[in-house]
Amino acid sequence: ELRQALLDAQFDLAESRNRAILILLNGPDGSGKGEV
């Protein structure tokens, strides 16, 4: 359910073309940034 909701939100944003989302991942090596 979470995955589908995230995909729906992504497609809605891409379709509207009026907003972008920026996600910053920061942390020390081994903190899980790559996994996220």
Full PDB file with SEQRES, HELIX, SHEET, SSBOND, CRYST1, ORIGX, SCALE, CONECT and MASTER records, all heavy atoms in Angstrom:
SEQRES   1 A   36  GLU LEU ARG GLN ALA LEU LEU ASP ALA GLN PHE ASP LEU          
SEQRES   2 A   36  ALA GLU SER ARG ASN ARG ALA ILE LEU ILE LEU LEU ASN          
SEQRES   3 A   36  GLY PRO ASP GLY SER GLY LYS GLY GLU VAL                      
HELIX    1 AA1 LEU A    2  SER A   16  1                                  15    
CRYST1    1.000    1.000    1.000  90.00  90.00  90.00 P 1           1          
ORIGX1      1.000000  0.000000  0.000000        0.00000                         
ORIGX2      0.000000  1.000000  0.000000        0.00000                         
ORIGX3      0.000000  0.000000  1.000000        0.00000                         
SCALE1      1.000000  0.000000  0.000000        0.00000                         
SCALE2      0.000000  1.000000  0.000000        0.00000                         
SCALE3      0.000000  0.000000  1.000000        0.00000                         
ATOM      1  N   GLU A   1       0.822  -1.212   0.000  1.00  0.00           N  
ATOM      2  CA  GLU A   1       0.000   0.000   0.000  1.00  0.00           C  
ATOM      3  C   GLU A   1       0.855   1.260   0.000  1.00  0.00           C  
ATOM      4  O   GLU A   1       0.570   2.222  -0.713  1.00  0.00           O  
ATOM      5  CB  GLU A   1      -0.895   0.023   1.241  1.00  0.00           C  
ATOM      6  CG  GLU A   1      -2.342  -0.267   0.956  1.00  0.00           C  
ATOM      7  CD  GLU A   1      -3.149  -0.219   2.243  1.00  0.00           C  
ATOM      8  OE1 GLU A   1      -3.395   0.907   2.720  1.00  0.00           O  
ATOM      9  OE2 GLU A   1      -3.505  -1.293   2.731  1.00  0.00           O  
ATOM     10  N   LEU A   2       1.910   1.255   0.800  1.00  0.00           N  
ATOM     11  CA  LEU A   2       2.801   2.409   0.873  1.00  0.00           C  
ATOM     12  C   LEU A   2       3.494   2.649  -0.463  1.00  0.00           C  
ATOM     13  O   LEU A   2       3.615   3.784  -0.921  1.00  0.00           O  
ATOM     14  CB  LEU A   2       3.845   2.203   1.971  1.00  0.00           C  
ATOM     15  CG  LEU A   2       3.335   2.216   3.399  1.00  0.00           C  
ATOM     16  CD1 LEU A   2       4.435   1.755   4.354  1.00  0.00           C  
ATOM     17  CD2 LEU A   2       2.824   3.588   3.783  1.00  0.00           C  
ATOM     18  N   ARG A   3       3.932   1.569  -1.076  1.00  0.00           N  
ATOM     19  CA  ARG A   3       4.604   1.696  -2.373  1.00  0.00           C  
ATOM     20  C   ARG A   3       3.669   2.268  -3.425  1.00  0.00           C  
ATOM     21  O   ARG A   3       4.037   3.154  -4.191  1.00  0.00           O  
ATOM     22  CB  ARG A   3       5.128   0.334  -2.816  1.00  0.00           C  
ATOM     23  CG  ARG A   3       5.869   0.388  -4.108  1.00  0.00           C  
ATOM     24  CD  ARG A   3       6.422  -0.948  -4.496  1.00  0.00           C  
ATOM     25  NE  ARG A   3       7.185  -0.807  -5.720  1.00  0.00           N  
ATOM     26  CZ  ARG A   3       7.877  -1.759  -6.278  1.00  0.00           C  
ATOM     27  NH1 ARG A   3       7.919  -2.950  -5.720  1.00  0.00           N  
ATOM     28  NH2 ARG A   3       8.535  -1.564  -7.385  1.00  0.00           N  
ATOM     29  N   GLN A   4       2.436   1.798  -3.456  1.00  0.00           N  
ATOM     30  CA  GLN A   4       1.472   2.307  -4.436  1.00  0.00           C  
ATOM     31  C   GLN A   4       1.157   3.774  -4.186  1.00  0.00           C  
ATOM     32  O   GLN A   4       1.063   4.569  -5.121  1.00  0.00           O  
ATOM     33  CB  GLN A   4       0.184   1.478  -4.419  1.00  0.00           C  
ATOM     34  CG  GLN A   4      -0.772   1.837  -5.535  1.00  0.00           C  
ATOM     35  CD  GLN A   4      -0.147   1.667  -6.913  1.00  0.00           C  
ATOM     36  OE1 GLN A   4       0.413   0.621  -7.231  1.00  0.00           O  
ATOM     37  NE2 GLN A   4      -0.219   2.690  -7.735  1.00  0.00           N  
ATOM     38  N   ALA A   5       1.009   4.159  -2.935  1.00  0.00           N  
ATOM     39  CA  ALA A   5       0.734   5.561  -2.604  1.00  0.00           C  
ATOM     40  C   ALA A   5       1.904   6.455  -3.017  1.00  0.00           C  
ATOM     41  O   ALA A   5       1.699   7.561  -3.526  1.00  0.00           O  
ATOM     42  CB  ALA A   5       0.452   5.707  -1.115  1.00  0.00           C  
ATOM     43  N   LEU A   6       3.123   5.978  -2.824  1.00  0.00           N  
ATOM     44  CA  LEU A   6       4.303   6.737  -3.205  1.00  0.00           C  
ATOM     45  C   LEU A   6       4.380   6.887  -4.730  1.00  0.00           C  
ATOM     46  O   LEU A   6       4.656   7.976  -5.246  1.00  0.00           O  
ATOM     47  CB  LEU A   6       5.557   6.046  -2.672  1.00  0.00           C  
ATOM     48  CG  LEU A   6       6.862   6.801  -2.736  1.00  0.00           C  
ATOM     49  CD1 LEU A   6       6.781   8.116  -1.968  1.00  0.00           C  
ATOM     50  CD2 LEU A   6       7.984   5.948  -2.163  1.00  0.00           C  
ATOM     51  N   LEU A   7       4.122   5.819  -5.458  1.00  0.00           N  
ATOM     52  CA  LEU A   7       4.101   5.887  -6.926  1.00  0.00           C  
ATOM     53  C   LEU A   7       3.012   6.831  -7.424  1.00  0.00           C  
ATOM     54  O   LEU A   7       3.230   7.619  -8.348  1.00  0.00           O  
ATOM     55  CB  LEU A   7       3.878   4.496  -7.516  1.00  0.00           C  
ATOM     56  CG  LEU A   7       5.109   3.704  -7.878  1.00  0.00           C  
ATOM     57  CD1 LEU A   7       4.730   2.288  -8.278  1.00  0.00           C  
ATOM     58  CD2 LEU A   7       5.901   4.376  -8.955  1.00  0.00           C  
ATOM     59  N   ASP A   8       1.817   6.754  -6.833  1.00  0.00           N  
ATOM     60  CA  ASP A   8       0.729   7.653  -7.226  1.00  0.00           C  
ATOM     61  C   ASP A   8       1.127   9.111  -7.009  1.00  0.00           C  
ATOM     62  O   ASP A   8       0.892   9.961  -7.872  1.00  0.00           O  
ATOM     63  CB  ASP A   8      -0.547   7.342  -6.439  1.00  0.00           C  
ATOM     64  CG  ASP A   8      -1.179   6.020  -6.835  1.00  0.00           C  
ATOM     65  OD1 ASP A   8      -0.822   5.474  -7.905  1.00  0.00           O  
ATOM     66  OD2 ASP A   8      -2.022   5.518  -6.055  1.00  0.00           O  
ATOM     67  N   ALA A   9       1.739   9.402  -5.874  1.00  0.00           N  
ATOM     68  CA  ALA A   9       2.178  10.771  -5.580  1.00  0.00           C  
ATOM     69  C   ALA A   9       3.247  11.211  -6.576  1.00  0.00           C  
ATOM     70  O   ALA A   9       3.234  12.352  -7.051  1.00  0.00           O  
ATOM     71  CB  ALA A   9       2.700  10.861  -4.152  1.00  0.00           C  
ATOM     72  N   GLN A  10       4.157  10.310  -6.910  1.00  0.00           N  
ATOM     73  CA  GLN A  10       5.206  10.648  -7.865  1.00  0.00           C  
ATOM     74  C   GLN A  10       4.609  10.987  -9.227  1.00  0.00           C  
ATOM     75  O   GLN A  10       4.973  11.992  -9.842  1.00  0.00           O  
ATOM     76  CB  GLN A  10       6.196   9.487  -8.010  1.00  0.00           C  
ATOM     77  CG  GLN A  10       7.305   9.775  -9.009  1.00  0.00           C  
ATOM     78  CD  GLN A  10       8.165   8.563  -9.302  1.00  0.00           C  
ATOM     79  OE1 GLN A  10       7.810   7.427  -8.991  1.00  0.00           O  
ATOM     80  NE2 GLN A  10       9.318   8.796  -9.902  1.00  0.00           N  
ATOM     81  N   PHE A  11       3.679  10.172  -9.701  1.00  0.00           N  
ATOM     82  CA  PHE A  11       3.071  10.422 -11.012  1.00  0.00           C  
ATOM     83  C   PHE A  11       2.230  11.693 -11.000  1.00  0.00           C  
ATOM     84  O   PHE A  11       2.223  12.444 -11.979  1.00  0.00           O  
ATOM     85  CB  PHE A  11       2.252   9.221 -11.473  1.00  0.00           C  
ATOM     86  CG  PHE A  11       3.101   8.039 -11.867  1.00  0.00           C  
ATOM     87  CD1 PHE A  11       2.782   6.772 -11.425  1.00  0.00           C  
ATOM     88  CD2 PHE A  11       4.226   8.183 -12.661  1.00  0.00           C  
ATOM     89  CE1 PHE A  11       3.557   5.674 -11.781  1.00  0.00           C  
ATOM     90  CE2 PHE A  11       5.017   7.106 -13.016  1.00  0.00           C  
ATOM     91  CZ  PHE A  11       4.669   5.841 -12.581  1.00  0.00           C  
ATOM     92  N   ASP A  12       1.525  11.948  -9.906  1.00  0.00           N  
ATOM     93  CA  ASP A  12       0.740  13.187  -9.801  1.00  0.00           C  
ATOM     94  C   ASP A  12       1.646  14.407  -9.874  1.00  0.00           C  
ATOM     95  O   ASP A  12       1.340  15.387 -10.563  1.00  0.00           O  
ATOM     96  CB  ASP A  12      -0.069  13.215  -8.503  1.00  0.00           C  
ATOM     97  CG  ASP A  12      -1.225  12.228  -8.504  1.00  0.00           C  
ATOM     98  OD1 ASP A  12      -1.583  11.716  -9.596  1.00  0.00           O  
ATOM     99  OD2 ASP A  12      -1.776  11.963  -7.416  1.00  0.00           O  
ATOM    100  N   LEU A  13       2.756  14.373  -9.162  1.00  0.00           N  
ATOM    101  CA  LEU A  13       3.696  15.494  -9.191  1.00  0.00           C  
ATOM    102  C   LEU A  13       4.331  15.659 -10.570  1.00  0.00           C  
ATOM    103  O   LEU A  13       4.473  16.769 -11.067  1.00  0.00           O  
ATOM    104  CB  LEU A  13       4.791  15.301  -8.147  1.00  0.00           C  
ATOM    105  CG  LEU A  13       4.389  15.576  -6.712  1.00  0.00           C  
ATOM    106  CD1 LEU A  13       5.464  15.072  -5.756  1.00  0.00           C  
ATOM    107  CD2 LEU A  13       4.144  17.055  -6.499  1.00  0.00           C  
ATOM    108  N   ALA A  14       4.703  14.554 -11.192  1.00  0.00           N  
ATOM    109  CA  ALA A  14       5.314  14.621 -12.515  1.00  0.00           C  
ATOM    110  C   ALA A  14       4.330  15.151 -13.546  1.00  0.00           C  
ATOM    111  O   ALA A  14       4.700  15.923 -14.434  1.00  0.00           O  
ATOM    112  CB  ALA A  14       5.821  13.239 -12.934  1.00  0.00           C  
ATOM    113  N   GLU A  15       3.072  14.777 -13.409  1.00  0.00           N  
ATOM    114  CA  GLU A  15       2.036  15.225 -14.339  1.00  0.00           C  
ATOM    115  C   GLU A  15       1.748  16.715 -14.185  1.00  0.00           C  
ATOM    116  O   GLU A  15       1.561  17.426 -15.157  1.00  0.00           O  
ATOM    117  CB  GLU A  15       0.761  14.419 -14.085  1.00  0.00           C  
ATOM    118  CG  GLU A  15      -0.113  14.259 -15.289  1.00  0.00           C  
ATOM    119  CD  GLU A  15      -1.237  13.288 -14.982  1.00  0.00           C  
ATOM    120  OE1 GLU A  15      -1.013  12.072 -15.097  1.00  0.00           O  
ATOM    121  OE2 GLU A  15      -2.320  13.773 -14.616  1.00  0.00           O  
ATOM    122  N   SER A  16       1.716  17.202 -12.952  1.00  0.00           N  
ATOM    123  CA  SER A  16       1.387  18.607 -12.714  1.00  0.00           C  
ATOM    124  C   SER A  16       2.539  19.540 -13.090  1.00  0.00           C  
ATOM    125  O   SER A  16       2.306  20.690 -13.431  1.00  0.00           O  
ATOM    126  CB  SER A  16       1.010  18.826 -11.254  1.00  0.00           C  
ATOM    127  OG  SER A  16       2.137  18.693 -10.419  1.00  0.00           O  
ATOM    128  N   ARG A  17       3.755  19.059 -13.018  1.00  0.00           N  
ATOM    129  CA  ARG A  17       4.959  19.811 -13.379  1.00  0.00           C  
ATOM    130  C   ARG A  17       5.081  21.173 -12.690  1.00  0.00           C  
ATOM    131  O   ARG A  17       5.731  22.074 -13.182  1.00  0.00           O  
ATOM    132  CB  ARG A  17       5.036  20.026 -14.877  1.00  0.00           C  
ATOM    133  CG  ARG A  17       5.172  18.766 -15.657  1.00  0.00           C  
ATOM    134  CD  ARG A  17       5.302  19.049 -17.135  1.00  0.00           C  
ATOM    135  NE  ARG A  17       5.300  17.850 -17.888  1.00  0.00           N  
ATOM    136  CZ  ARG A  17       6.386  17.271 -18.378  1.00  0.00           C  
ATOM    137  NH1 ARG A  17       7.549  17.807 -18.169  1.00  0.00           N  
ATOM    138  NH2 ARG A  17       6.292  16.165 -19.072  1.00  0.00           N  
ATOM    139  N   ASN A  18       4.456  21.338 -11.531  1.00  0.00           N  
ATOM    140  CA  ASN A  18       4.566  22.618 -10.848  1.00  0.00           C  
ATOM    141  C   ASN A  18       5.326  22.528  -9.530  1.00  0.00           C  
ATOM    142  O   ASN A  18       5.472  23.530  -8.844  1.00  0.00           O  
ATOM    143  CB  ASN A  18       3.187  23.245 -10.622  1.00  0.00           C  
ATOM    144  CG  ASN A  18       2.318  22.441  -9.687  1.00  0.00           C  
ATOM    145  OD1 ASN A  18       2.661  21.336  -9.299  1.00  0.00           O  
ATOM    146  ND2 ASN A  18       1.184  22.989  -9.320  1.00  0.00           N  
ATOM    147  N   ARG A  19       5.805  21.368  -9.187  1.00  0.00           N  
ATOM    148  CA  ARG A  19       6.567  21.207  -7.952  1.00  0.00           C  
ATOM    149  C   ARG A  19       7.632  20.127  -8.138  1.00  0.00           C  
ATOM    150  O   ARG A  19       7.476  19.226  -8.944  1.00  0.00           O  
ATOM    151  CB  ARG A  19       5.664  20.785  -6.797  1.00  0.00           C  
ATOM    152  CG  ARG A  19       4.765  21.874  -6.333  1.00  0.00           C  
ATOM    153  CD  ARG A  19       4.250  21.567  -4.939  1.00  0.00           C  
ATOM    154  NE  ARG A  19       3.566  22.673  -4.354  1.00  0.00           N  
ATOM    155  CZ  ARG A  19       2.372  23.108  -4.690  1.00  0.00           C  
ATOM    156  NH1 ARG A  19       1.731  22.534  -5.683  1.00  0.00           N  
ATOM    157  NH2 ARG A  19       1.814  24.117  -4.059  1.00  0.00           N  
ATOM    158  N   ALA A  20       8.655  20.273  -7.371  1.00  0.00           N  
ATOM    159  CA  ALA A  20       9.706  19.254  -7.324  1.00  0.00           C  
ATOM    160  C   ALA A  20       9.942  18.907  -5.860  1.00  0.00           C  
ATOM    161  O   ALA A  20       9.655  19.700  -4.972  1.00  0.00           O  
ATOM    162  CB  ALA A  20      10.978  19.772  -7.956  1.00  0.00           C  
ATOM    163  N   ILE A  21      10.448  17.740  -5.638  1.00  0.00           N  
ATOM    164  CA  ILE A  21      10.773  17.309  -4.275  1.00  0.00           C  
ATOM    165  C   ILE A  21      12.270  17.061  -4.211  1.00  0.00           C  
ATOM    166  O   ILE A  21      12.846  16.417  -5.090  1.00  0.00           O  
ATOM    167  CB  ILE A  21      10.002  16.031  -3.902  1.00  0.00           C  
ATOM    168  CG1 ILE A  21       8.523  16.337  -3.830  1.00  0.00           C  
ATOM    169  CG2 ILE A  21      10.506  15.477  -2.585  1.00  0.00           C  
ATOM    170  CD1 ILE A  21       7.665  15.149  -3.522  1.00  0.00           C  
ATOM    171  N   LEU A  22      12.870  17.584  -3.178  1.00  0.00           N  
ATOM    172  CA  LEU A  22      14.291  17.396  -2.939  1.00  0.00           C  
ATOM    173  C   LEU A  22      14.449  16.586  -1.661  1.00  0.00           C  
ATOM    174  O   LEU A  22      13.894  16.937  -0.620  1.00  0.00           O  
ATOM    175  CB  LEU A  22      14.984  18.756  -2.778  1.00  0.00           C  
ATOM    176  CG  LEU A  22      16.440  18.750  -2.363  1.00  0.00           C  
ATOM    177  CD1 LEU A  22      17.299  18.165  -3.476  1.00  0.00           C  
ATOM    178  CD2 LEU A  22      16.882  20.169  -2.032  1.00  0.00           C  
ATOM    179  N   ILE A  23      15.171  15.495  -1.768  1.00  0.00           N  
ATOM    180  CA  ILE A  23      15.435  14.653  -0.601  1.00  0.00           C  
ATOM    181  C   ILE A  23      16.943  14.671  -0.370  1.00  0.00           C  
ATOM    182  O   ILE A  23      17.710  14.313  -1.260  1.00  0.00           O  
ATOM    183  CB  ILE A  23      14.951  13.207  -0.824  1.00  0.00           C  
ATOM    184  CG1 ILE A  23      13.455  13.178  -1.068  1.00  0.00           C  
ATOM    185  CG2 ILE A  23      15.335  12.336   0.365  1.00  0.00           C  
ATOM    186  CD1 ILE A  23      12.920  11.826  -1.494  1.00  0.00           C  
ATOM    187  N   LEU A  24      17.343  15.106   0.799  1.00  0.00           N  
ATOM    188  CA  LEU A  24      18.760  15.109   1.153  1.00  0.00           C  
ATOM    189  C   LEU A  24      19.036  13.948   2.087  1.00  0.00           C  
ATOM    190  O   LEU A  24      18.366  13.786   3.101  1.00  0.00           O  
ATOM    191  CB  LEU A  24      19.133  16.414   1.862  1.00  0.00           C  
ATOM    192  CG  LEU A  24      18.968  17.695   1.070  1.00  0.00           C  
ATOM    193  CD1 LEU A  24      19.293  18.893   1.951  1.00  0.00           C  
ATOM    194  CD2 LEU A  24      19.837  17.690  -0.167  1.00  0.00           C  
ATOM    195  N   LEU A  25      20.004  13.141   1.731  1.00  0.00           N  
ATOM    196  CA  LEU A  25      20.440  12.043   2.595  1.00  0.00           C  
ATOM    197  C   LEU A  25      21.845  12.388   3.061  1.00  0.00           C  
ATOM    198  O   LEU A  25      22.741  12.594   2.249  1.00  0.00           O  
ATOM    199  CB  LEU A  25      20.456  10.716   1.830  1.00  0.00           C  
ATOM    200  CG  LEU A  25      19.122  10.229   1.287  1.00  0.00           C  
ATOM    201  CD1 LEU A  25      19.318   8.966   0.468  1.00  0.00           C  
ATOM    202  CD2 LEU A  25      18.148   9.987   2.409  1.00  0.00           C  
ATOM    203  N   ASN A  26      22.019  12.448   4.349  1.00  0.00           N  
ATOM    204  CA  ASN A  26      23.315  12.799   4.901  1.00  0.00           C  
ATOM    205  C   ASN A  26      23.570  11.934   6.125  1.00  0.00           C  
ATOM    206  O   ASN A  26      22.646  11.578   6.839  1.00  0.00           O  
ATOM    207  CB  ASN A  26      23.329  14.286   5.279  1.00  0.00           C  
ATOM    208  CG  ASN A  26      24.711  14.768   5.644  1.00  0.00           C  
ATOM    209  OD1 ASN A  26      25.692  14.097   5.393  1.00  0.00           O  
ATOM    210  ND2 ASN A  26      24.787  15.938   6.251  1.00  0.00           N  
ATOM    211  N   GLY A  27      24.790  11.606   6.325  1.00  0.00           N  
ATOM    212  CA  GLY A  27      25.149  10.824   7.494  1.00  0.00           C  
ATOM    213  C   GLY A  27      26.511  10.202   7.311  1.00  0.00           C  
ATOM    214  O   GLY A  27      27.076  10.218   6.213  1.00  0.00           O  
ATOM    215  N   PRO A  28      27.048   9.647   8.366  1.00  0.00           N  
ATOM    216  CA  PRO A  28      28.366   9.015   8.269  1.00  0.00           C  
ATOM    217  C   PRO A  28      28.301   7.734   7.442  1.00  0.00           C  
ATOM    218  O   PRO A  28      27.227   7.178   7.197  1.00  0.00           O  
ATOM    219  CB  PRO A  28      28.715   8.715   9.729  1.00  0.00           C  
ATOM    220  CG  PRO A  28      27.403   8.631  10.426  1.00  0.00           C  
ATOM    221  CD  PRO A  28      26.483   9.567   9.709  1.00  0.00           C  
ATOM    222  N   ASP A  29      29.463   7.295   7.005  1.00  0.00           N  
ATOM    223  CA  ASP A  29      29.532   6.025   6.281  1.00  0.00           C  
ATOM    224  C   ASP A  29      28.913   4.927   7.129  1.00  0.00           C  
ATOM    225  O   ASP A  29      29.096   4.880   8.343  1.00  0.00           O  
ATOM    226  CB  ASP A  29      30.980   5.664   5.970  1.00  0.00           C  
ATOM    227  CG  ASP A  29      31.582   6.549   4.896  1.00  0.00           C  
ATOM    228  OD1 ASP A  29      30.815   7.263   4.221  1.00  0.00           O  
ATOM    229  OD2 ASP A  29      32.814   6.527   4.743  1.00  0.00           O  
ATOM    230  N   GLY A  30      28.153   4.065   6.479  1.00  0.00           N  
ATOM    231  CA  GLY A  30      27.539   2.948   7.187  1.00  0.00           C  
ATOM    232  C   GLY A  30      26.230   3.285   7.875  1.00  0.00           C  
ATOM    233  O   GLY A  30      25.682   2.465   8.602  1.00  0.00           O  
ATOM    234  N   SER A  31      25.690   4.489   7.644  1.00  0.00           N  
ATOM    235  CA  SER A  31      24.462   4.881   8.329  1.00  0.00           C  
ATOM    236  C   SER A  31      23.197   4.468   7.580  1.00  0.00           C  
ATOM    237  O   SER A  31      22.102   4.687   8.072  1.00  0.00           O  
ATOM    238  CB  SER A  31      24.451   6.393   8.574  1.00  0.00           C  
ATOM    239  OG  SER A  31      24.456   7.095   7.339  1.00  0.00           O  
ATOM    240  N   GLY A  32      23.330   3.901   6.386  1.00  0.00           N  
ATOM    241  CA  GLY A  32      22.162   3.413   5.658  1.00  0.00           C  
ATOM    242  C   GLY A  32      21.697   4.305   4.526  1.00  0.00           C  
ATOM    243  O   GLY A  32      20.624   4.095   3.971  1.00  0.00           O  
ATOM    244  N   LYS A  33      22.491   5.311   4.161  1.00  0.00           N  
ATOM    245  CA  LYS A  33      22.096   6.205   3.067  1.00  0.00           C  
ATOM    246  C   LYS A  33      21.888   5.436   1.771  1.00  0.00           C  
ATOM    247  O   LYS A  33      20.915   5.643   1.064  1.00  0.00           O  
ATOM    248  CB  LYS A  33      23.150   7.293   2.859  1.00  0.00           C  
ATOM    249  CG  LYS A  33      23.386   8.198   4.041  1.00  0.00           C  
ATOM    250  CD  LYS A  33      24.452   9.240   3.746  1.00  0.00           C  
ATOM    251  CE  LYS A  33      25.776   8.677   3.349  1.00  0.00           C  
ATOM    252  NZ  LYS A  33      26.598   8.082   4.395  1.00  0.00           N  
ATOM    253  N   GLY A  34      22.809   4.555   1.472  1.00  0.00           N  
ATOM    254  CA  GLY A  34      22.713   3.766   0.243  1.00  0.00           C  
ATOM    255  C   GLY A  34      21.495   2.866   0.237  1.00  0.00           C  
ATOM    256  O   GLY A  34      20.840   2.695  -0.789  1.00  0.00           O  
ATOM    257  N   GLU A  35      21.175   2.296   1.375  1.00  0.00           N  
ATOM    258  CA  GLU A  35      20.000   1.426   1.484  1.00  0.00           C  
ATOM    259  C   GLU A  35      18.714   2.213   1.225  1.00  0.00           C  
ATOM    260  O   GLU A  35      17.820   1.757   0.530  1.00  0.00           O  
ATOM    261  CB  GLU A  35      19.964   0.793   2.864  1.00  0.00           C  
ATOM    262  CG  GLU A  35      18.864  -0.218   3.038  1.00  0.00           C  
ATOM    263  CD  GLU A  35      18.903  -0.881   4.407  1.00  0.00           C  
ATOM    264  OE1 GLU A  35      19.975  -0.942   5.027  1.00  0.00           O  
ATOM    265  OE2 GLU A  35      17.829  -1.340   4.829  1.00  0.00           O  
ATOM    266  N   VAL A  36      18.640   3.408   1.784  1.00  0.00           N  
ATOM    267  CA  VAL A  36      17.465   4.258   1.571  1.00  0.00           C  
ATOM    268  C   VAL A  36      17.360   4.632   0.096  1.00  0.00           C  
ATOM    269  O   VAL A  36      16.284   4.558  -0.506  1.00  0.00           O  
ATOM    270  CB  VAL A  36      17.528   5.522   2.454  1.00  0.00           C  
ATOM    271  CG1 VAL A  36      16.450   6.521   2.058  1.00  0.00           C  
ATOM    272  CG2 VAL A  36      17.406   5.162   3.914  1.00  0.00           C  
TER     273      VAL A  36                                                      
MASTER        0    0    0    1    0    0    0    6  272    1    0    3          
END                                                                             
